[in-house]
Amino acid sequence: MARLKAASAISNSEAHIEMLKCYLRESEIILRALEEQKTTARETLLHEKRLSEARREHLQLQNELSLATEKHSRLTRQKNVLQPA
C-alpha cells in the first residue's frame, strides 16, 4: 500500500514538474517578446509594468519548478527506501 501511494505521489510530482516546465517556456517567450518590443513614449509606462510582471512571473515559476524538483527527488528517495531489498 505504501509503495502504491509513493508511486502515485511520484507520478503526480512528475506531471506537476512537466506542467511547470511548460509554463516556464511560455513565460520565457512572453518575456523575450516584451523585451524586444519597441514602445512609444506614451506606452513606455504600461510596457515597463508588463515587463516587470512577466519577469516576476518567470522568477516565481523558476522557484516553483525548483521546489517541485526537490520534492520529487525526496519522493523518489522515499520510494527507494520502501522497496524490498
PDB file of N, CA and C in Angstrom:
ATOM      1  N   MET A   1       0.814  -1.197   0.000  1.00  0.00           N
ATOM      2  CA  MET A   1       0.000   0.000   0.000  1.00  0.00           C
ATOM      3  C   MET A   1       0.862   1.268   0.000  1.00  0.00           C
ATOM      4  N   ALA A   2       1.906   1.261   0.835  1.00  0.00           N
ATOM      5  CA  ALA A   2       2.782   2.437   0.912  1.00  0.00           C
ATOM      6  C   ALA A   2       3.522   2.632  -0.405  1.00  0.00           C
ATOM      7  N   ARG A   3       3.921   1.519  -1.040  1.00  0.00           N
ATOM      8  CA  ARG A   3       4.616   1.634  -2.329  1.00  0.00           C
ATOM      9  C   ARG A   3       3.687   2.200  -3.392  1.00  0.00           C
ATOM     10  N   LEU A   4       2.420   1.807  -3.356  1.00  0.00           N
ATOM     11  CA  LEU A   4       1.443   2.314  -4.326  1.00  0.00           C
ATOM     12  C   LEU A   4       1.235   3.817  -4.134  1.00  0.00           C
ATOM     13  N   LYS A   5       1.135   4.260  -2.891  1.00  0.00           N
ATOM     14  CA  LYS A   5       0.995   5.689  -2.607  1.00  0.00           C
ATOM     15  C   LYS A   5       2.231   6.453  -3.058  1.00  0.00           C
ATOM     16  N   ALA A   6       3.408   5.876  -2.822  1.00  0.00           N
ATOM     17  CA  ALA A   6       4.654   6.534  -3.237  1.00  0.00           C
ATOM     18  C   ALA A   6       4.714   6.643  -4.752  1.00  0.00           C
ATOM     19  N   ALA A   7       4.332   5.590  -5.452  1.00  0.00           N
ATOM     20  CA  ALA A   7       4.343   5.622  -6.919  1.00  0.00           C
ATOM     21  C   ALA A   7       3.367   6.664  -7.447  1.00  0.00           C
ATOM     22  N   SER A   8       2.197   6.752  -6.815  1.00  0.00           N
ATOM     23  CA  SER A   8       1.203   7.747  -7.214  1.00  0.00           C
ATOM     24  C   SER A   8       1.713   9.164  -6.959  1.00  0.00           C
ATOM     25  N   ALA A   9       2.343   9.371  -5.815  1.00  0.00           N
ATOM     26  CA  ALA A   9       2.886  10.686  -5.487  1.00  0.00           C
ATOM     27  C   ALA A   9       3.986  11.079  -6.470  1.00  0.00           C
ATOM     28  N   ILE A  10       4.809  10.126  -6.848  1.00  0.00           N
ATOM     29  CA  ILE A  10       5.887  10.400  -7.809  1.00  0.00           C
ATOM     30  C   ILE A  10       5.297  10.738  -9.170  1.00  0.00           C
ATOM     31  N   SER A  11       4.282   9.998  -9.577  1.00  0.00           N
ATOM     32  CA  SER A  11       3.625  10.268 -10.860  1.00  0.00           C
ATOM     33  C   SER A  11       3.006  11.668 -10.867  1.00  0.00           C
ATOM     34  N   ASN A  12       2.328  12.021  -9.796  1.00  0.00           N
ATOM     35  CA  ASN A  12       1.743  13.364  -9.676  1.00  0.00           C
ATOM     36  C   ASN A  12       2.827  14.432  -9.687  1.00  0.00           C
ATOM     37  N   SER A  13       3.924  14.155  -9.019  1.00  0.00           N
ATOM     38  CA  SER A  13       5.039  15.090  -8.972  1.00  0.00           C
ATOM     39  C   SER A  13       5.639  15.297 -10.360  1.00  0.00           C
ATOM     40  N   GLU A  14       5.801  14.221 -11.111  1.00  0.00           N
ATOM     41  CA  GLU A  14       6.339  14.328 -12.472  1.00  0.00           C
ATOM     42  C   GLU A  14       5.414  15.160 -13.357  1.00  0.00           C
ATOM     43  N   ALA A  15       4.105  14.940 -13.237  1.00  0.00           N
ATOM     44  CA  ALA A  15       3.141  15.706 -14.026  1.00  0.00           C
ATOM     45  C   ALA A  15       3.197  17.189 -13.658  1.00  0.00           C
ATOM     46  N   HIS A  16       3.328  17.474 -12.373  1.00  0.00           N
ATOM     47  CA  HIS A  16       3.415  18.865 -11.907  1.00  0.00           C
ATOM     48  C   HIS A  16       4.676  19.542 -12.449  1.00  0.00           C
ATOM     49  N   ILE A  17       5.785  18.823 -12.429  1.00  0.00           N
ATOM     50  CA  ILE A  17       7.045  19.359 -12.947  1.00  0.00           C
ATOM     51  C   ILE A  17       6.926  19.658 -14.432  1.00  0.00           C
ATOM     52  N   GLU A  18       6.332  18.750 -15.197  1.00  0.00           N
ATOM     53  CA  GLU A  18       6.168  18.972 -16.635  1.00  0.00           C
ATOM     54  C   GLU A  18       5.279  20.181 -16.917  1.00  0.00           C
ATOM     55  N   MET A  19       4.218  20.352 -16.121  1.00  0.00           N
ATOM     56  CA  MET A  19       3.337  21.497 -16.285  1.00  0.00           C
ATOM     57  C   MET A  19       4.103  22.796 -15.997  1.00  0.00           C
ATOM     58  N   LEU A  20       4.906  22.805 -14.929  1.00  0.00           N
ATOM     59  CA  LEU A  20       5.687  23.989 -14.597  1.00  0.00           C
ATOM     60  C   LEU A  20       6.710  24.305 -15.683  1.00  0.00           C
ATOM     61  N   LYS A  21       7.331  23.270 -16.243  1.00  0.00           N
ATOM     62  CA  LYS A  21       8.289  23.489 -17.332  1.00  0.00           C
ATOM     63  C   LYS A  21       7.601  24.124 -18.535  1.00  0.00           C
ATOM     64  N   CYS A  22       6.378  23.675 -18.831  1.00  0.00           N
ATOM     65  CA  CYS A  22       5.606  24.239 -19.946  1.00  0.00           C
ATOM     66  C   CYS A  22       5.295  25.715 -19.678  1.00  0.00           C
ATOM     67  N   TYR A  23       4.812  26.017 -18.480  1.00  0.00           N
ATOM     68  CA  TYR A  23       4.516  27.404 -18.117  1.00  0.00           C
ATOM     69  C   TYR A  23       5.779  28.256 -18.174  1.00  0.00           C
ATOM     70  N   LEU A  24       6.906  27.689 -17.746  1.00  0.00           N
ATOM     71  CA  LEU A  24       8.160  28.424 -17.765  1.00  0.00           C
ATOM     72  C   LEU A  24       8.574  28.749 -19.189  1.00  0.00           C
ATOM     73  N   ARG A  25       8.433  27.792 -20.105  1.00  0.00           N
ATOM     74  CA  ARG A  25       8.754  28.053 -21.513  1.00  0.00           C
ATOM     75  C   ARG A  25       7.866  29.154 -22.073  1.00  0.00           C
ATOM     76  N   GLU A  26       6.565  29.107 -21.742  1.00  0.00           N
ATOM     77  CA  GLU A  26       5.648  30.147 -22.208  1.00  0.00           C
ATOM     78  C   GLU A  26       6.036  31.512 -21.653  1.00  0.00           C
ATOM     79  N   SER A  27       6.403  31.547 -20.383  1.00  0.00           N
ATOM     80  CA  SER A  27       6.764  32.834 -19.784  1.00  0.00           C
ATOM     81  C   SER A  27       8.059  33.365 -20.398  1.00  0.00           C
ATOM     82  N   GLU A  28       8.977  32.480 -20.780  1.00  0.00           N
ATOM     83  CA  GLU A  28      10.210  32.916 -21.442  1.00  0.00           C
ATOM     84  C   GLU A  28       9.898  33.548 -22.792  1.00  0.00           C
ATOM     85  N   ILE A  29       8.959  32.969 -23.522  1.00  0.00           N
ATOM     86  CA  ILE A  29       8.556  33.524 -24.821  1.00  0.00           C
ATOM     87  C   ILE A  29       7.947  34.908 -24.639  1.00  0.00           C
ATOM     88  N   ILE A  30       7.045  35.043 -23.673  1.00  0.00           N
ATOM     89  CA  ILE A  30       6.399  36.329 -23.402  1.00  0.00           C
ATOM     90  C   ILE A  30       7.437  37.356 -22.964  1.00  0.00           C
ATOM     91  N   LEU A  31       8.314  36.959 -22.072  1.00  0.00           N
ATOM     92  CA  LEU A  31       9.348  37.871 -21.571  1.00  0.00           C
ATOM     93  C   LEU A  31      10.251  38.330 -22.705  1.00  0.00           C
ATOM     94  N   ARG A  32      10.679  37.418 -23.554  1.00  0.00           N
ATOM     95  CA  ARG A  32      11.544  37.774 -24.681  1.00  0.00           C
ATOM     96  C   ARG A  32      10.833  38.739 -25.630  1.00  0.00           C
ATOM     97  N   ALA A  33       9.556  38.470 -25.904  1.00  0.00           N
ATOM     98  CA  ALA A  33       8.788  39.341 -26.798  1.00  0.00           C
ATOM     99  C   ALA A  33       8.653  40.746 -26.217  1.00  0.00           C
ATOM    100  N   LEU A  34       8.393  40.824 -24.917  1.00  0.00           N
ATOM    101  CA  LEU A  34       8.265  42.138 -24.275  1.00  0.00           C
ATOM    102  C   LEU A  34       9.599  42.879 -24.261  1.00  0.00           C
ATOM    103  N   GLU A  35      10.684  42.155 -24.050  1.00  0.00           N
ATOM    104  CA  GLU A  35      11.995  42.803 -24.028  1.00  0.00           C
ATOM    105  C   GLU A  35      12.385  43.337 -25.408  1.00  0.00           C
ATOM    106  N   GLU A  36      11.927  42.670 -26.457  1.00  0.00           N
ATOM    107  CA  GLU A  36      12.269  43.086 -27.811  1.00  0.00           C
ATOM    108  C   GLU A  36      11.315  44.143 -28.370  1.00  0.00           C
ATOM    109  N   GLN A  37      10.183  44.309 -27.722  1.00  0.00           N
ATOM    110  CA  GLN A  37       9.164  45.224 -28.223  1.00  0.00           C
ATOM    111  C   GLN A  37       9.615  46.672 -28.066  1.00  0.00           C
ATOM    112  N   LYS A  38       9.429  47.429 -29.122  1.00  0.00           N
ATOM    113  CA  LYS A  38       9.724  48.862 -29.067  1.00  0.00           C
ATOM    114  C   LYS A  38       8.431  49.593 -28.736  1.00  0.00           C
ATOM    115  N   THR A  39       8.546  50.627 -27.917  1.00  0.00           N
ATOM    116  CA  THR A  39       7.350  51.351 -27.491  1.00  0.00           C
ATOM    117  C   THR A  39       7.522  52.844 -27.716  1.00  0.00           C
ATOM    118  N   THR A  40       6.388  53.492 -27.811  1.00  0.00           N
ATOM    119  CA  THR A  40       6.416  54.959 -27.885  1.00  0.00           C
ATOM    120  C   THR A  40       6.511  55.492 -26.461  1.00  0.00           C
ATOM    121  N   ALA A  41       6.785  56.767 -26.335  1.00  0.00           N
ATOM    122  CA  ALA A  41       6.914  57.372 -25.010  1.00  0.00           C
ATOM    123  C   ALA A  41       5.629  57.207 -24.197  1.00  0.00           C
ATOM    124  N   ARG A  42       4.487  57.288 -24.851  1.00  0.00           N
ATOM    125  CA  ARG A  42       3.205  57.181 -24.161  1.00  0.00           C
ATOM    126  C   ARG A  42       2.968  55.770 -23.630  1.00  0.00           C
ATOM    127  N   GLU A  43       3.479  54.775 -24.339  1.00  0.00           N
ATOM    128  CA  GLU A  43       3.255  53.388 -23.955  1.00  0.00           C
ATOM    129  C   GLU A  43       4.327  52.848 -23.009  1.00  0.00           C
ATOM    130  N   THR A  44       5.357  53.622 -22.778  1.00  0.00           N
ATOM    131  CA  THR A  44       6.502  53.131 -22.014  1.00  0.00           C
ATOM    132  C   THR A  44       6.124  52.668 -20.617  1.00  0.00           C
ATOM    133  N   LEU A  45       5.326  53.420 -19.898  1.00  0.00           N
ATOM    134  CA  LEU A  45       4.963  53.056 -18.534  1.00  0.00           C
ATOM    135  C   LEU A  45       4.209  51.734 -18.498  1.00  0.00           C
ATOM    136  N   LEU A  46       3.242  51.574 -19.372  1.00  0.00           N
ATOM    137  CA  LEU A  46       2.473  50.329 -19.428  1.00  0.00           C
ATOM    138  C   LEU A  46       3.382  49.167 -19.823  1.00  0.00           C
ATOM    139  N   HIS A  47       4.250  49.416 -20.794  1.00  0.00           N
ATOM    140  CA  HIS A  47       5.176  48.378 -21.238  1.00  0.00           C
ATOM    141  C   HIS A  47       6.098  47.936 -20.098  1.00  0.00           C
ATOM    142  N   GLU A  48       6.624  48.900 -19.354  1.00  0.00           N
ATOM    143  CA  GLU A  48       7.513  48.577 -18.236  1.00  0.00           C
ATOM    144  C   GLU A  48       6.770  47.775 -17.167  1.00  0.00           C
ATOM    145  N   LYS A  49       5.511  48.117 -16.953  1.00  0.00           N
ATOM    146  CA  LYS A  49       4.712  47.381 -15.972  1.00  0.00           C
ATOM    147  C   LYS A  49       4.516  45.940 -16.432  1.00  0.00           C
ATOM    148  N   ARG A  50       4.183  45.741 -17.697  1.00  0.00           N
ATOM    149  CA  ARG A  50       4.008  44.381 -18.231  1.00  0.00           C
ATOM    150  C   ARG A  50       5.302  43.593 -18.172  1.00  0.00           C
ATOM    151  N   LEU A  51       6.397  44.246 -18.504  1.00  0.00           N
ATOM    152  CA  LEU A  51       7.697  43.592 -18.468  1.00  0.00           C
ATOM    153  C   LEU A  51       8.055  43.183 -17.045  1.00  0.00           C
ATOM    154  N   SER A  52       7.808  44.056 -16.104  1.00  0.00           N
ATOM    155  CA  SER A  52       8.075  43.760 -14.699  1.00  0.00           C
ATOM    156  C   SER A  52       7.233  42.570 -14.223  1.00  0.00           C
ATOM    157  N   GLU A  53       5.957  42.553 -14.578  1.00  0.00           N
ATOM    158  CA  GLU A  53       5.072  41.450 -14.201  1.00  0.00           C
ATOM    159  C   GLU A  53       5.537  40.139 -14.841  1.00  0.00           C
ATOM    160  N   ALA A  54       5.960  40.198 -16.096  1.00  0.00           N
ATOM    161  CA  ALA A  54       6.433  38.998 -16.786  1.00  0.00           C
ATOM    162  C   ALA A  54       7.703  38.465 -16.121  1.00  0.00           C
ATOM    163  N   ARG A  55       8.599  39.362 -15.747  1.00  0.00           N
ATOM    164  CA  ARG A  55       9.826  38.931 -15.063  1.00  0.00           C
ATOM    165  C   ARG A  55       9.505  38.303 -13.713  1.00  0.00           C
ATOM    166  N   ARG A  56       8.579  38.916 -12.982  1.00  0.00           N
ATOM    167  CA  ARG A  56       8.182  38.390 -11.669  1.00  0.00           C
ATOM    168  C   ARG A  56       7.552  37.000 -11.810  1.00  0.00           C
ATOM    169  N   GLU A  57       6.672  36.838 -12.787  1.00  0.00           N
ATOM    170  CA  GLU A  57       6.035  35.538 -13.010  1.00  0.00           C
ATOM    171  C   GLU A  57       7.078  34.495 -13.411  1.00  0.00           C
ATOM    172  N   HIS A  58       8.010  34.888 -14.260  1.00  0.00           N
ATOM    173  CA  HIS A  58       9.063  33.974 -14.692  1.00  0.00           C
ATOM    174  C   HIS A  58       9.900  33.503 -13.496  1.00  0.00           C
ATOM    175  N   LEU A  59      10.271  34.413 -12.634  1.00  0.00           N
ATOM    176  CA  LEU A  59      11.047  34.073 -11.450  1.00  0.00           C
ATOM    177  C   LEU A  59      10.245  33.162 -10.519  1.00  0.00           C
ATOM    178  N   GLN A  60       8.964  33.458 -10.354  1.00  0.00           N
ATOM    179  CA  GLN A  60       8.114  32.636  -9.498  1.00  0.00           C
ATOM    180  C   GLN A  60       8.021  31.214 -10.059  1.00  0.00           C
ATOM    181  N   LEU A  61       7.872  31.081 -11.374  1.00  0.00           N
ATOM    182  CA  LEU A  61       7.810  29.756 -11.982  1.00  0.00           C
ATOM    183  C   LEU A  61       9.128  29.002 -11.816  1.00  0.00           C
ATOM    184  N   GLN A  62      10.237  29.704 -11.935  1.00  0.00           N
ATOM    185  CA  GLN A  62      11.531  29.054 -11.711  1.00  0.00           C
ATOM    186  C   GLN A  62      11.637  28.533 -10.285  1.00  0.00           C
ATOM    187  N   ASN A  63      11.188  29.337  -9.329  1.00  0.00           N
ATOM    188  CA  ASN A  63      11.213  28.921  -7.922  1.00  0.00           C
ATOM    189  C   ASN A  63      10.296  27.727  -7.686  1.00  0.00           C
ATOM    190  N   GLU A  64       9.085  27.757  -8.245  1.00  0.00           N
ATOM    191  CA  GLU A  64       8.153  26.647  -8.085  1.00  0.00           C
ATOM    192  C   GLU A  64       8.716  25.365  -8.697  1.00  0.00           C
ATOM    193  N   LEU A  65       9.356  25.493  -9.866  1.00  0.00           N
ATOM    194  CA  LEU A  65       9.948  24.331 -10.510  1.00  0.00           C
ATOM    195  C   LEU A  65      11.072  23.760  -9.657  1.00  0.00           C
ATOM    196  N   SER A  66      11.873  24.622  -9.081  1.00  0.00           N
ATOM    197  CA  SER A  66      12.958  24.171  -8.211  1.00  0.00           C
ATOM    198  C   SER A  66      12.409  23.418  -6.999  1.00  0.00           C
ATOM    199  N   LEU A  67      11.373  23.964  -6.370  1.00  0.00           N
ATOM    200  CA  LEU A  67      10.759  23.303  -5.211  1.00  0.00           C
ATOM    201  C   LEU A  67      10.122  21.977  -5.605  1.00  0.00           C
ATOM    202  N   ALA A  68       9.452  21.945  -6.747  1.00  0.00           N
ATOM    203  CA  ALA A  68       8.808  20.712  -7.204  1.00  0.00           C
ATOM    204  C   ALA A  68       9.852  19.646  -7.523  1.00  0.00           C
ATOM    205  N   THR A  69      10.970  20.052  -8.081  1.00  0.00           N
ATOM    206  CA  THR A  69      12.039  19.102  -8.392  1.00  0.00           C
ATOM    207  C   THR A  69      12.641  18.537  -7.107  1.00  0.00           C
ATOM    208  N   GLU A  70      12.847  19.390  -6.118  1.00  0.00           N
ATOM    209  CA  GLU A  70      13.356  18.928  -4.821  1.00  0.00           C
ATOM    210  C   GLU A  70      12.378  17.943  -4.181  1.00  0.00           C
ATOM    211  N   LYS A  71      11.095  18.262  -4.219  1.00  0.00           N
ATOM    212  CA  LYS A  71      10.079  17.381  -3.641  1.00  0.00           C
ATOM    213  C   LYS A  71      10.070  16.045  -4.378  1.00  0.00           C
ATOM    214  N   HIS A  72      10.182  16.089  -5.698  1.00  0.00           N
ATOM    215  CA  HIS A  72      10.190  14.865  -6.492  1.00  0.00           C
ATOM    216  C   HIS A  72      11.394  13.991  -6.121  1.00  0.00           C
ATOM    217  N   SER A  73      12.544  14.597  -5.949  1.00  0.00           N
ATOM    218  CA  SER A  73      13.737  13.846  -5.550  1.00  0.00           C
ATOM    219  C   SER A  73      13.541  13.195  -4.193  1.00  0.00           C
ATOM    220  N   ARG A  74      12.936  13.930  -3.279  1.00  0.00           N
ATOM    221  CA  ARG A  74      12.663  13.393  -1.944  1.00  0.00           C
ATOM    222  C   ARG A  74      11.700  12.211  -2.027  1.00  0.00           C
ATOM    223  N   LEU A  75      10.645  12.342  -2.838  1.00  0.00           N
ATOM    224  CA  LEU A  75       9.688  11.246  -3.004  1.00  0.00           C
ATOM    225  C   LEU A  75      10.351  10.018  -3.619  1.00  0.00           C
ATOM    226  N   THR A  76      11.221  10.243  -4.577  1.00  0.00           N
ATOM    227  CA  THR A  76      11.921   9.133  -5.216  1.00  0.00           C
ATOM    228  C   THR A  76      12.805   8.408  -4.209  1.00  0.00           C
ATOM    229  N   ARG A  77      13.522   9.172  -3.374  1.00  0.00           N
ATOM    230  CA  ARG A  77      14.359   8.545  -2.346  1.00  0.00           C
ATOM    231  C   ARG A  77      13.499   7.746  -1.365  1.00  0.00           C
ATOM    232  N   GLN A  78      12.345   8.297  -0.980  1.00  0.00           N
ATOM    233  CA  GLN A  78      11.460   7.593  -0.048  1.00  0.00           C
ATOM    234  C   GLN A  78      10.934   6.308  -0.669  1.00  0.00           C
ATOM    235  N   LYS A  79      10.607   6.354  -1.955  1.00  0.00           N
ATOM    236  CA  LYS A  79      10.110   5.160  -2.630  1.00  0.00           C
ATOM    237  C   LYS A  79      11.193   4.088  -2.651  1.00  0.00           C
ATOM    238  N   ASN A  80      12.432   4.507  -2.908  1.00  0.00           N
ATOM    239  CA  ASN A  80      13.526   3.549  -2.938  1.00  0.00           C
ATOM    240  C   ASN A  80      13.742   2.888  -1.585  1.00  0.00           C
ATOM    241  N   VAL A  81      13.505   3.620  -0.503  1.00  0.00           N
ATOM    242  CA  VAL A  81      13.631   3.066   0.838  1.00  0.00           C
ATOM    243  C   VAL A  81      12.543   2.020   1.079  1.00  0.00           C
ATOM    244  N   LEU A  82      11.359   2.253   0.525  1.00  0.00           N
ATOM    245  CA  LEU A  82      10.243   1.343   0.731  1.00  0.00           C
ATOM    246  C   LEU A  82      10.368   0.043  -0.077  1.00  0.00           C
ATOM    247  N   GLN A  83      11.182   0.068  -1.121  1.00  0.00           N
ATOM    248  CA  GLN A  83      11.313  -1.126  -1.964  1.00  0.00           C
ATOM    249  C   GLN A  83      12.064  -2.208  -1.204  1.00  0.00           C
ATOM    250  N   PRO A  84      11.588  -3.465  -1.362  1.00  0.00           N
ATOM    251  CA  PRO A  84      12.278  -4.552  -0.682  1.00  0.00           C
ATOM    252  C   PRO A  84      13.672  -4.782  -1.285  1.00  0.00           C
ATOM    253  N   ALA A  85      14.596  -5.218  -0.446  1.00  0.00           N
ATOM    254  CA  ALA A  85      15.979  -5.409  -0.894  1.00  0.00           C
ATOM    255  C   ALA A  85      16.139  -6.602  -1.803  1.00  0.00           C
TER     256      ALA A  85
END
